[in-house]
């Protein structure tokens, strides 16, 4: 019996593999993407501090800020958008396992035991236990590749989900540095300037009061000095509102209640690192959002094959091996055994154009995904060009701002000394003080903008991510 059952199951498997020989629908080919030979904004510009040798995984380490480093590692572990994307990826992987299982037969087994009896002679003759065991298999032969195309689409979707997870991780890391951390440190730097300015204005007020008491200055000079001092104090308080809101946003980004998060004041780093740009075609391998869009195209391509398979018949093979015996040890003996093997084929004759509409819909989805992929590539190239021009121009601007700041502070000193000597009105001091403070704040803002542009360039280049992380090799 064992040999005959093995033969039947072998024939069943052989028939399935023989029938599953083709797959309808297009074989996927990566669509052409709009590409350029080089980055225009990178021509003729050599970054002062390139990042040719950094660990691009922990890309934020290039800024040499221990506090930022600690927070970036925390956001990678605790951000809820990342957690959501990770769960979606696990779901997509489970779907692939389900799709792969659909290519193989579903096998089930059952064992039942029954007993009957009674007082009559007939019941006694028929009485006693009975055991029934059966093994059943149901196999949907993938003759025209519908199930294989579904598996192909599932794999592409899982890779898309993996890229989406990487993109969520990069987005959270970048948002922490670009939208919040550097902005907050810029506020800290402005606060330091305002604190120093408050001290300077207090000294200027003392000078004006002394001049007024000596009868060589008007009361208006004292009022102007007091107004300047109070304005600076108010500006310092206003920074506290902005800083608090940034702290709250950072807490949520890191998965913490806002009330429990505090970030002590710190310095704004001075060195602005610049990532190597490479070739524009690197965008196709190093941007997770571009890879996600391309994998969506692959899934849509496989969906066309799934839709086209509806025009062809489907085949099913079922087999069962059943045994009934009075004794458990006699199950599946030749005298107690029976088997059945059946093949069925079904074909839809007419469904009022539903199948054709399904194919047209699948092709339309594919066209949408191709357009979305090409747009993602163009936007990625734009991101890089934007940050390159920002870095190039801001580097030049910072040099100009620093000269303006030095001149403004010198002008403030001259104006105050002239006022002390009675050579000029206090309004000249006010103008010089406002000019100097604005110049210093502008310098801080330019430095902050350069840091933001540097981090944004790393993000635009993929943050160290690679297609190999989702199993793609080009």
Protein backbone atom coordinates (compact mmCIF):
# COMPACT_ATOMS: atom_id res chain seq x y z
CA UNK A 1 0.00 0.00 0.00
CA UNK A 2 2.79 2.39 0.89
CA UNK A 3 4.36 2.07 -2.55
CA UNK A 4 1.06 2.65 -4.34
CA UNK A 5 0.29 5.74 -2.23
CA UNK A 6 3.76 7.12 -2.87
CA UNK A 7 3.27 6.55 -6.58
CA UNK A 8 -0.05 8.37 -6.56
CA UNK A 9 1.39 11.37 -4.74
CA UNK A 10 4.40 11.43 -7.04
CA UNK A 11 2.14 11.44 -10.09
CA UNK A 12 0.12 14.24 -8.53
CA UNK A 13 3.22 16.41 -8.00
CA UNK A 14 4.62 15.64 -11.45
CA UNK A 15 1.37 16.61 -13.11
CA UNK A 16 1.30 19.90 -11.23
CA UNK A 17 4.82 20.89 -12.19
CA UNK A 18 4.25 19.87 -15.81
CA UNK A 19 1.12 22.00 -16.08
CA UNK A 20 2.70 25.01 -14.36
CA UNK A 21 5.00 25.89 -17.22
CA UNK A 22 4.09 29.38 -18.32
CA UNK A 23 2.97 32.72 -16.95
CA UNK A 24 0.88 35.19 -18.89
CA UNK A 25 1.44 38.92 -18.64
CA UNK A 26 4.57 41.05 -19.17
CA UNK A 27 7.89 40.15 -17.64
CA UNK A 28 8.99 43.13 -15.61
CA UNK A 29 11.57 45.53 -16.95
CA UNK A 30 12.57 48.57 -14.96
CA UNK A 31 11.10 51.63 -16.72
CA UNK A 32 13.42 54.34 -17.98
CA UNK A 33 13.79 57.27 -15.63
CA UNK A 34 14.60 60.88 -16.53
CA UNK A 35 18.28 61.28 -15.79
CA UNK A 36 21.03 63.86 -16.20
CA UNK A 37 24.77 63.44 -16.70
CA UNK A 38 25.85 65.44 -13.65
CA UNK A 39 24.68 67.84 -10.99
CA UNK A 40 24.82 71.35 -12.39
CA UNK A 41 25.26 72.98 -8.99
CA UNK A 42 28.23 70.73 -8.17
CA UNK A 43 30.29 71.91 -11.13
CA UNK A 44 33.29 74.00 -10.19
CA UNK A 45 32.60 73.80 -6.46
CA UNK A 46 34.80 71.91 -4.02
CA UNK A 47 33.20 71.46 -0.56
CA UNK A 48 35.38 72.71 2.27
CA UNK A 49 34.64 69.73 4.54
CA UNK A 50 33.56 66.71 2.45
CA UNK A 51 32.30 63.51 4.06
CA UNK A 52 34.14 60.99 1.94
CA UNK A 53 34.91 58.59 4.78
CA UNK A 54 32.06 58.85 7.27
CA UNK A 55 29.76 56.03 8.31
CA UNK A 56 26.78 56.95 6.18
CA UNK A 57 24.51 54.76 8.29
CA UNK A 58 24.79 57.08 11.29
CA UNK A 59 25.09 60.08 8.98
CA UNK A 60 24.39 62.60 11.74
CA UNK A 61 27.73 61.70 13.39
CA UNK A 62 29.40 63.93 10.77
CA UNK A 63 28.22 66.96 12.76
CA UNK A 64 30.23 65.84 15.79
CA UNK A 65 27.45 66.66 18.23
CA UNK A 66 27.08 64.06 21.04
CA UNK A 67 23.62 65.31 22.02
CA UNK A 68 22.35 65.03 18.44
CA UNK A 69 23.90 61.58 18.18
CA UNK A 70 22.09 60.33 21.29
CA UNK A 71 18.75 61.77 20.17
CA UNK A 72 19.04 60.34 16.66
CA UNK A 73 19.62 56.86 18.05
CA UNK A 74 16.60 57.25 20.30
CA UNK A 75 14.31 58.45 17.51
CA UNK A 76 15.32 55.44 15.42
CA UNK A 77 14.11 53.15 18.19
CA UNK A 78 11.07 55.05 19.48
CA UNK A 79 9.50 56.97 16.59
CA UNK A 80 5.93 55.81 16.05
CA UNK A 81 5.95 56.39 12.28
CA UNK A 82 8.89 54.01 12.06
CA UNK A 83 7.03 51.49 14.25
CA UNK A 84 3.99 51.71 11.95
CA UNK A 85 6.13 51.23 8.83
CA UNK A 86 7.91 48.28 10.44
CA UNK A 87 4.57 46.58 11.19
CA UNK A 88 3.46 47.17 7.58
CA UNK A 89 6.67 45.54 6.38
CA UNK A 90 6.08 42.48 8.58
CA UNK A 91 2.57 42.24 7.17
CA UNK A 92 3.91 42.42 3.61
CA UNK A 93 6.41 39.63 4.33
CA UNK A 94 3.61 37.46 5.72
CA UNK A 95 1.61 38.00 2.52
CA UNK A 96 4.58 36.71 0.52
CA UNK A 97 4.59 33.52 2.61
CA UNK A 98 0.86 33.11 1.94
CA UNK A 99 1.33 33.65 -1.80
CA UNK A 100 4.16 31.13 -1.91
CA UNK A 101 2.05 28.57 -0.04
CA UNK A 102 -0.72 28.94 -2.63
CA UNK A 103 1.61 27.36 -5.23
CA UNK A 104 1.70 24.09 -3.27
CA UNK A 105 -1.06 21.58 -2.48
CA UNK A 106 -3.14 22.02 0.64
CA UNK A 107 -3.00 18.73 2.56
CA UNK A 108 -5.36 17.78 5.36
CA UNK A 109 -5.79 14.64 7.44
CA UNK A 110 -8.55 13.35 9.68
CA UNK A 111 -9.04 10.45 12.09
CA UNK A 112 -12.42 9.46 13.54
CA UNK A 113 -13.52 6.72 15.88
CA UNK A 114 -17.10 5.48 16.25
CA UNK A 115 -18.86 2.79 18.26
CA UNK A 116 -22.37 1.37 18.08
CA UNK A 117 -24.35 -1.50 19.59
CA UNK A 118 -27.74 -2.63 20.86
CA UNK A 119 -29.81 -5.50 22.26
CA UNK A 120 -30.84 -7.09 18.99
CA UNK A 121 -28.90 -9.84 17.32
CA UNK A 122 -28.37 -7.66 14.25
CA UNK A 123 -27.03 -4.80 16.31
CA UNK A 124 -24.72 -7.13 18.18
CA UNK A 125 -23.45 -8.56 14.92
CA UNK A 126 -22.79 -5.11 13.50
CA UNK A 127 -21.59 -3.60 16.76
CA UNK A 128 -18.06 -2.70 17.69
CA UNK A 129 -15.65 0.11 17.04
CA UNK A 130 -14.75 1.62 13.73
CA UNK A 131 -11.78 3.79 12.83
CA UNK A 132 -11.72 6.01 9.77
CA UNK A 133 -8.63 7.87 8.56
CA UNK A 134 -8.16 9.98 5.46
CA UNK A 135 -5.53 12.14 3.81
CA UNK A 136 -6.78 14.75 1.33
CA UNK A 137 -4.95 17.10 -1.01
CA UNK A 138 -6.23 19.98 -3.08
CA UNK A 139 -3.92 21.60 -5.61
CA UNK A 140 -4.71 24.60 -7.78
CA UNK A 141 -2.37 24.20 -10.75
CA UNK A 142 -0.82 27.50 -11.75
CA UNK A 143 -0.94 26.67 -15.45
CA UNK A 144 -1.03 30.24 -16.71
CA UNK A 145 0.96 31.87 -13.93
CA UNK A 146 -1.72 33.72 -11.98
CA UNK A 147 -0.40 32.53 -8.63
CA UNK A 148 3.21 33.12 -9.65
CA UNK A 149 2.36 36.64 -10.74
CA UNK A 150 0.63 37.17 -7.39
CA UNK A 151 3.79 35.98 -5.65
CA UNK A 152 5.87 38.26 -7.85
CA UNK A 153 3.63 41.19 -6.94
CA UNK A 154 3.78 40.24 -3.27
CA UNK A 155 7.58 40.15 -3.29
CA UNK A 156 7.74 43.54 -4.99
CA UNK A 157 5.24 44.95 -2.50
CA UNK A 158 7.28 43.56 0.40
CA UNK A 159 10.40 45.21 -1.02
CA UNK A 160 8.41 48.42 -1.40
CA UNK A 161 7.39 48.16 2.25
CA UNK A 162 11.02 47.62 3.25
CA UNK A 163 11.99 50.74 1.32
CA UNK A 164 9.08 52.62 2.92
CA UNK A 165 10.40 51.56 6.33
CA UNK A 166 13.86 52.86 5.42
CA UNK A 167 12.29 56.08 4.16
CA UNK A 168 10.30 56.51 7.37
CA UNK A 169 13.47 55.99 9.37
CA UNK A 170 15.41 58.51 7.27
CA UNK A 171 12.52 61.00 7.40
CA UNK A 172 12.34 60.83 11.20
CA UNK A 173 16.11 61.17 11.56
CA UNK A 174 16.21 64.09 9.12
CA UNK A 175 13.23 65.83 10.69
CA UNK A 176 14.89 65.68 14.09
CA UNK A 177 18.07 67.32 12.80
CA UNK A 178 16.68 69.64 10.13
CA UNK A 179 13.30 70.76 11.41
CA UNK A 180 13.97 70.80 15.12
CA UNK A 181 17.49 70.32 16.50
CA UNK A 182 19.47 72.81 14.42
CA UNK A 183 16.63 75.32 14.64
CA UNK A 184 16.54 74.95 18.42
CA UNK A 185 20.32 75.30 18.69
CA UNK A 186 20.03 78.40 16.51
CA UNK A 187 17.59 79.81 19.07
CA UNK A 188 20.07 78.94 21.82
CA UNK A 189 22.76 80.88 19.94
CA UNK A 190 20.41 83.84 19.52
CA UNK A 191 19.61 83.67 23.22
CA UNK A 192 23.32 83.88 24.04
CA UNK A 193 23.60 86.93 21.80
CA UNK A 194 20.57 88.56 23.43
CA UNK A 195 21.89 87.88 26.93
CA UNK A 196 25.17 89.54 25.99
CA UNK A 197 23.20 92.35 24.36
CA UNK A 198 21.13 92.85 27.52
CA UNK A 199 24.37 93.23 29.48
CA UNK A 200 25.71 95.73 26.92
CA UNK A 201 22.45 97.68 26.90
CA UNK A 202 22.44 97.81 30.69
CA UNK A 203 25.90 99.38 30.56
CA UNK A 204 24.70 101.80 27.88
CA UNK A 205 21.73 102.71 30.08
CA UNK A 206 24.09 103.37 32.97
CA UNK A 207 26.11 105.69 30.73
CA UNK A 208 22.96 107.54 29.62
CA UNK A 209 21.77 107.94 33.21
CA UNK A 210 25.16 109.23 34.31
CA UNK A 211 25.22 111.65 31.41
CA UNK A 212 21.73 112.80 32.30
CA UNK A 213 22.65 113.29 35.99
CA UNK A 214 25.70 115.26 34.91
CA UNK A 215 23.46 117.49 32.85
CA UNK A 216 25.12 116.69 29.54
CA UNK A 217 22.35 114.45 28.16
CA UNK A 218 18.62 114.73 27.78
CA UNK A 219 16.00 112.63 29.56
CA UNK A 220 15.06 111.30 26.13
CA UNK A 221 18.43 109.53 25.95
CA UNK A 222 17.66 107.62 29.15
CA UNK A 223 14.21 106.68 27.86
CA UNK A 224 15.70 105.47 24.58
CA UNK A 225 18.26 103.34 26.45
CA UNK A 226 15.57 101.87 28.69
CA UNK A 227 13.42 101.09 25.65
CA UNK A 228 16.32 99.31 23.97
CA UNK A 229 16.99 97.26 27.07
CA UNK A 230 13.36 96.23 27.54
CA UNK A 231 13.03 95.32 23.85
CA UNK A 232 16.04 93.04 24.10
CA UNK A 233 14.63 91.40 27.23
CA UNK A 234 11.27 90.87 25.48
CA UNK A 235 13.00 89.30 22.46
CA UNK A 236 14.83 86.94 24.81
CA UNK A 237 11.53 85.89 26.38
CA UNK A 238 9.98 85.37 22.96
CA UNK A 239 12.70 82.88 22.10
CA UNK A 240 11.51 80.82 25.07
CA UNK A 241 8.11 80.30 23.42
CA UNK A 242 9.65 79.08 20.19
CA UNK A 243 12.10 76.86 22.01
CA UNK A 244 9.40 75.26 24.12
CA UNK A 245 7.33 74.42 21.05
CA UNK A 246 10.34 72.85 19.37
CA UNK A 247 11.00 70.75 22.46
CA UNK A 248 7.41 69.50 22.40
CA UNK A 249 7.66 68.55 18.72
CA UNK A 250 10.93 66.72 19.31
CA UNK A 251 9.38 64.77 22.18
CA UNK A 252 6.54 63.52 19.98
CA UNK A 253 9.01 62.64 17.22
CA UNK A 254 10.92 60.50 19.72
CA UNK A 255 7.77 58.86 21.07
CA UNK A 256 7.80 60.64 24.44
CA UNK A 257 5.15 62.72 26.24
CA UNK A 258 6.03 66.41 25.76
CA UNK A 259 5.84 67.12 29.49
CA UNK A 260 8.62 64.62 30.20
CA UNK A 261 11.17 65.89 27.68
CA UNK A 262 13.74 68.60 28.35
CA UNK A 263 16.73 69.57 26.22
CA UNK A 264 19.29 71.74 28.03
CA UNK A 265 20.68 74.74 26.18
CA UNK A 266 23.71 73.96 24.04
CA UNK A 267 25.97 75.27 21.35
CA UNK A 268 25.40 75.46 17.62
CA UNK A 269 28.19 73.50 15.94
CA UNK A 270 30.50 75.61 13.78
CA UNK A 271 31.76 73.07 11.25
CA UNK A 272 29.49 72.38 8.28
CA UNK A 273 30.21 68.98 6.69
CA UNK A 274 29.20 68.34 3.09
CA UNK A 275 28.36 64.88 1.73
CA UNK A 276 29.90 63.69 -1.55
CA UNK A 277 27.36 63.90 -4.34
CA UNK A 278 28.53 61.18 -6.76
CA UNK A 279 26.58 60.75 -9.98
CA UNK A 280 22.88 61.52 -10.45
CA UNK A 281 22.24 57.88 -11.36
CA UNK A 282 23.21 56.96 -7.79
CA UNK A 283 19.82 58.37 -6.82
CA UNK A 284 18.22 55.21 -8.25
CA UNK A 285 20.08 53.00 -5.78
CA UNK A 286 20.46 55.27 -2.76
CA UNK A 287 17.06 56.89 -2.24
CA UNK A 288 14.58 54.64 -0.39
CA UNK A 289 11.59 56.64 -1.67
CA UNK A 290 12.77 56.14 -5.28
CA UNK A 291 13.25 52.42 -4.63
CA UNK A 292 9.78 52.25 -3.08
CA UNK A 293 8.26 53.87 -6.17
CA UNK A 294 10.13 51.51 -8.49
CA UNK A 295 9.05 48.42 -6.53
CA UNK A 296 5.46 49.65 -6.79
CA UNK A 297 5.91 49.64 -10.57
CA UNK A 298 7.13 46.03 -10.40
CA UNK A 299 4.10 45.02 -8.33
CA UNK A 300 1.77 46.75 -10.80
CA UNK A 301 3.44 44.96 -13.71
CA UNK A 302 2.82 41.60 -12.07
CA UNK A 303 -0.78 42.70 -11.47
CA UNK A 304 -1.28 42.86 -15.23
CA UNK A 305 -0.39 39.16 -15.45
CA UNK A 306 -2.83 38.35 -12.66
CA UNK A 307 -5.60 40.17 -14.53
CA UNK A 308 -4.76 38.53 -17.88
CA UNK A 309 -4.82 35.07 -16.30
CA UNK A 310 -8.56 35.51 -15.82
CA UNK A 311 -8.98 34.89 -19.58
CA UNK A 312 -7.65 31.35 -19.21
CA UNK A 313 -9.15 28.28 -17.54
CA UNK A 314 -8.17 27.25 -14.04
CA UNK A 315 -7.31 23.69 -13.12
CA UNK A 316 -7.64 21.91 -9.82
CA UNK A 317 -6.46 18.47 -8.79
CA UNK A 318 -7.87 16.77 -5.72
CA UNK A 319 -6.78 13.48 -4.23
CA UNK A 320 -7.84 11.48 -1.21
CA UNK A 321 -6.65 8.34 0.48
CA UNK A 322 -9.19 6.83 2.91
CA UNK A 323 -9.09 3.81 5.17
CA UNK A 324 -11.77 2.26 7.45
CA UNK A 325 -10.98 -0.55 9.87
CA UNK A 326 -12.17 -2.12 13.12
CA UNK A 327 -8.67 -2.01 14.55
CA UNK A 328 -6.42 1.02 14.58
CA UNK A 329 -3.45 -1.04 13.40
CA UNK A 330 -5.31 -2.16 10.28
CA UNK A 331 -5.67 1.38 8.89
CA UNK A 332 -4.26 1.89 5.40
CA UNK A 333 -3.89 -1.83 4.79
CA UNK A 334 -4.79 -2.76 1.23
CA UNK A 335 -8.00 -4.47 2.33
CA UNK A 336 -9.25 -1.37 4.20
CA UNK A 337 -7.98 1.33 1.88
CA UNK A 338 -9.56 3.31 -0.96
CA UNK A 339 -8.37 6.31 -2.91
CA UNK A 340 -9.70 8.88 -5.35
CA UNK A 341 -8.08 11.26 -7.78
CA UNK A 342 -9.99 13.96 -9.66
CA UNK A 343 -9.05 16.80 -11.95
CA UNK A 344 -11.32 19.73 -12.74
CA UNK A 345 -11.06 22.62 -15.11
CA UNK A 346 -13.22 25.76 -15.12
CA UNK A 347 -13.45 28.58 -17.58
CA UNK A 348 -15.59 31.71 -17.56
CA UNK A 349 -17.46 31.87 -20.84
CA UNK A 350 -19.01 35.31 -20.57
CA UNK A 351 -18.94 37.96 -17.84
CA UNK A 352 -19.99 41.11 -19.69
CA UNK A 353 -16.48 42.52 -20.15
CA UNK A 354 -15.38 42.28 -16.51
CA UNK A 355 -12.13 40.48 -17.37
CA UNK A 356 -11.18 42.99 -20.05
CA UNK A 357 -11.97 45.83 -17.66
CA UNK A 358 -9.74 44.17 -15.07
CA UNK A 359 -6.81 44.07 -17.50
CA UNK A 360 -7.38 47.68 -18.52
CA UNK A 361 -7.52 48.70 -14.87
CA UNK A 362 -4.26 46.84 -14.12
CA UNK A 363 -2.53 48.53 -17.06
CA UNK A 364 -3.81 51.92 -15.91
CA UNK A 365 -2.42 51.25 -12.42
CA UNK A 366 0.91 50.33 -14.00
CA UNK A 367 0.94 53.61 -15.97
CA UNK A 368 0.21 55.54 -12.76
CA UNK A 369 3.05 53.82 -10.94
CA UNK A 370 5.49 54.49 -13.79
CA UNK A 371 4.59 58.18 -13.76
CA UNK A 372 4.95 58.28 -9.95
CA UNK A 373 8.36 56.60 -10.20
CA UNK A 374 9.64 59.05 -12.80
CA UNK A 375 8.34 61.97 -10.76
CA UNK A 376 10.10 60.59 -7.66
CA UNK A 377 13.38 60.51 -9.61
CA UNK A 378 12.95 64.09 -10.82
CA UNK A 379 12.08 65.31 -7.34
CA UNK A 380 15.11 63.50 -5.91
CA UNK A 381 17.39 65.20 -8.44
CA UNK A 382 15.77 68.54 -7.59
CA UNK A 383 16.38 67.95 -3.88
CA UNK A 384 20.08 67.42 -4.47
CA UNK A 385 20.41 70.43 -6.76
CA UNK A 386 18.51 72.60 -4.24
CA UNK A 387 20.79 71.70 -1.36
CA UNK A 388 23.95 72.04 -3.44
CA UNK A 389 23.05 75.56 -4.48
CA UNK A 390 22.06 76.37 -0.89
CA UNK A 391 25.42 75.19 0.43
CA UNK A 392 27.39 76.99 -2.25
CA UNK A 393 25.60 80.31 -1.85
CA UNK A 394 25.31 80.17 1.94
CA UNK A 395 29.04 79.52 2.27
CA UNK A 396 29.67 82.72 0.35
CA UNK A 397 26.99 84.57 2.31
CA UNK A 398 28.45 83.57 5.66
CA UNK A 399 31.78 85.18 4.81
CA UNK A 400 29.97 88.42 3.92
CA UNK A 401 27.80 88.24 7.05
CA UNK A 402 30.84 87.78 9.29
CA UNK A 403 32.48 90.88 7.81
CA UNK A 404 29.24 92.82 8.27
CA UNK A 405 29.03 91.64 11.88
CA UNK A 406 32.59 92.74 12.65
CA UNK A 407 31.99 96.14 11.07
CA UNK A 408 28.68 96.58 12.91
CA UNK A 409 30.23 95.83 16.29
CA UNK A 410 33.05 98.24 15.56
CA UNK A 411 30.48 100.87 14.58
CA UNK A 412 28.59 100.29 17.82
CA UNK A 413 31.75 100.83 19.86
CA UNK A 414 32.57 104.02 17.98
CA UNK A 415 29.03 105.39 18.37
CA UNK A 416 29.00 104.71 22.13
CA UNK A 417 32.41 106.32 22.61
CA UNK A 418 31.31 109.37 20.61
CA UNK A 419 28.20 109.63 22.75
CA UNK A 420 30.27 109.44 25.93
CA UNK A 421 32.40 112.26 24.57
CA UNK A 422 29.32 114.30 23.78
CA UNK A 423 30.05 114.27 20.06
CA UNK A 424 26.81 112.65 18.91
CA UNK A 425 23.20 112.07 19.94
CA UNK A 426 22.06 108.86 21.59
CA UNK A 427 19.99 107.99 18.54
CA UNK A 428 23.25 107.13 16.79
CA UNK A 429 24.02 104.63 19.55
CA UNK A 430 20.56 103.07 19.21
CA UNK A 431 20.96 102.65 15.46
CA UNK A 432 24.43 101.15 15.87
CA UNK A 433 23.25 98.74 18.58
CA UNK A 434 20.31 97.54 16.48
CA UNK A 435 22.54 97.11 13.45
CA UNK A 436 25.13 95.14 15.39
CA UNK A 437 22.57 92.82 16.99
CA UNK A 438 20.85 92.19 13.65
CA UNK A 439 24.20 91.42 12.03
CA UNK A 440 25.06 88.88 14.74
CA UNK A 441 21.65 87.21 14.48
CA UNK A 442 21.99 87.07 10.70
CA UNK A 443 25.34 85.32 11.05
CA UNK A 444 23.81 82.75 13.38
CA UNK A 445 20.90 82.17 11.01
CA UNK A 446 23.22 81.67 8.05
CA UNK A 447 25.27 79.12 9.99
CA UNK A 448 22.08 77.33 11.02
CA UNK A 449 20.89 77.34 7.40
CA UNK A 450 24.18 75.85 6.25
CA UNK A 451 23.87 73.03 8.80
CA UNK A 452 20.29 72.41 7.69
CA UNK A 453 21.36 72.37 4.04
CA UNK A 454 24.17 69.94 4.82
CA UNK A 455 21.82 67.53 6.59
CA UNK A 456 19.25 67.99 3.82
CA UNK A 457 21.86 67.08 1.20
CA UNK A 458 22.68 63.87 3.06
CA UNK A 459 18.96 63.09 3.20
CA UNK A 460 18.57 63.90 -0.51
CA UNK A 461 21.38 61.45 -1.30
CA UNK A 462 19.69 58.66 0.67
CA UNK A 463 21.41 59.00 4.03
CA UNK A 464 23.69 56.03 3.40
CA UNK A 465 20.87 53.66 2.42
CA UNK A 466 21.29 51.18 -0.44
CA UNK A 467 19.00 49.01 -2.55
CA UNK A 468 20.96 45.98 -1.39
CA UNK A 469 19.18 46.29 1.95
CA UNK A 470 15.93 45.10 0.34
CA UNK A 471 17.58 42.40 -1.76
CA UNK A 472 17.87 44.33 -5.04
CA UNK A 473 21.07 44.12 -7.04
CA UNK A 474 21.45 46.18 -10.15
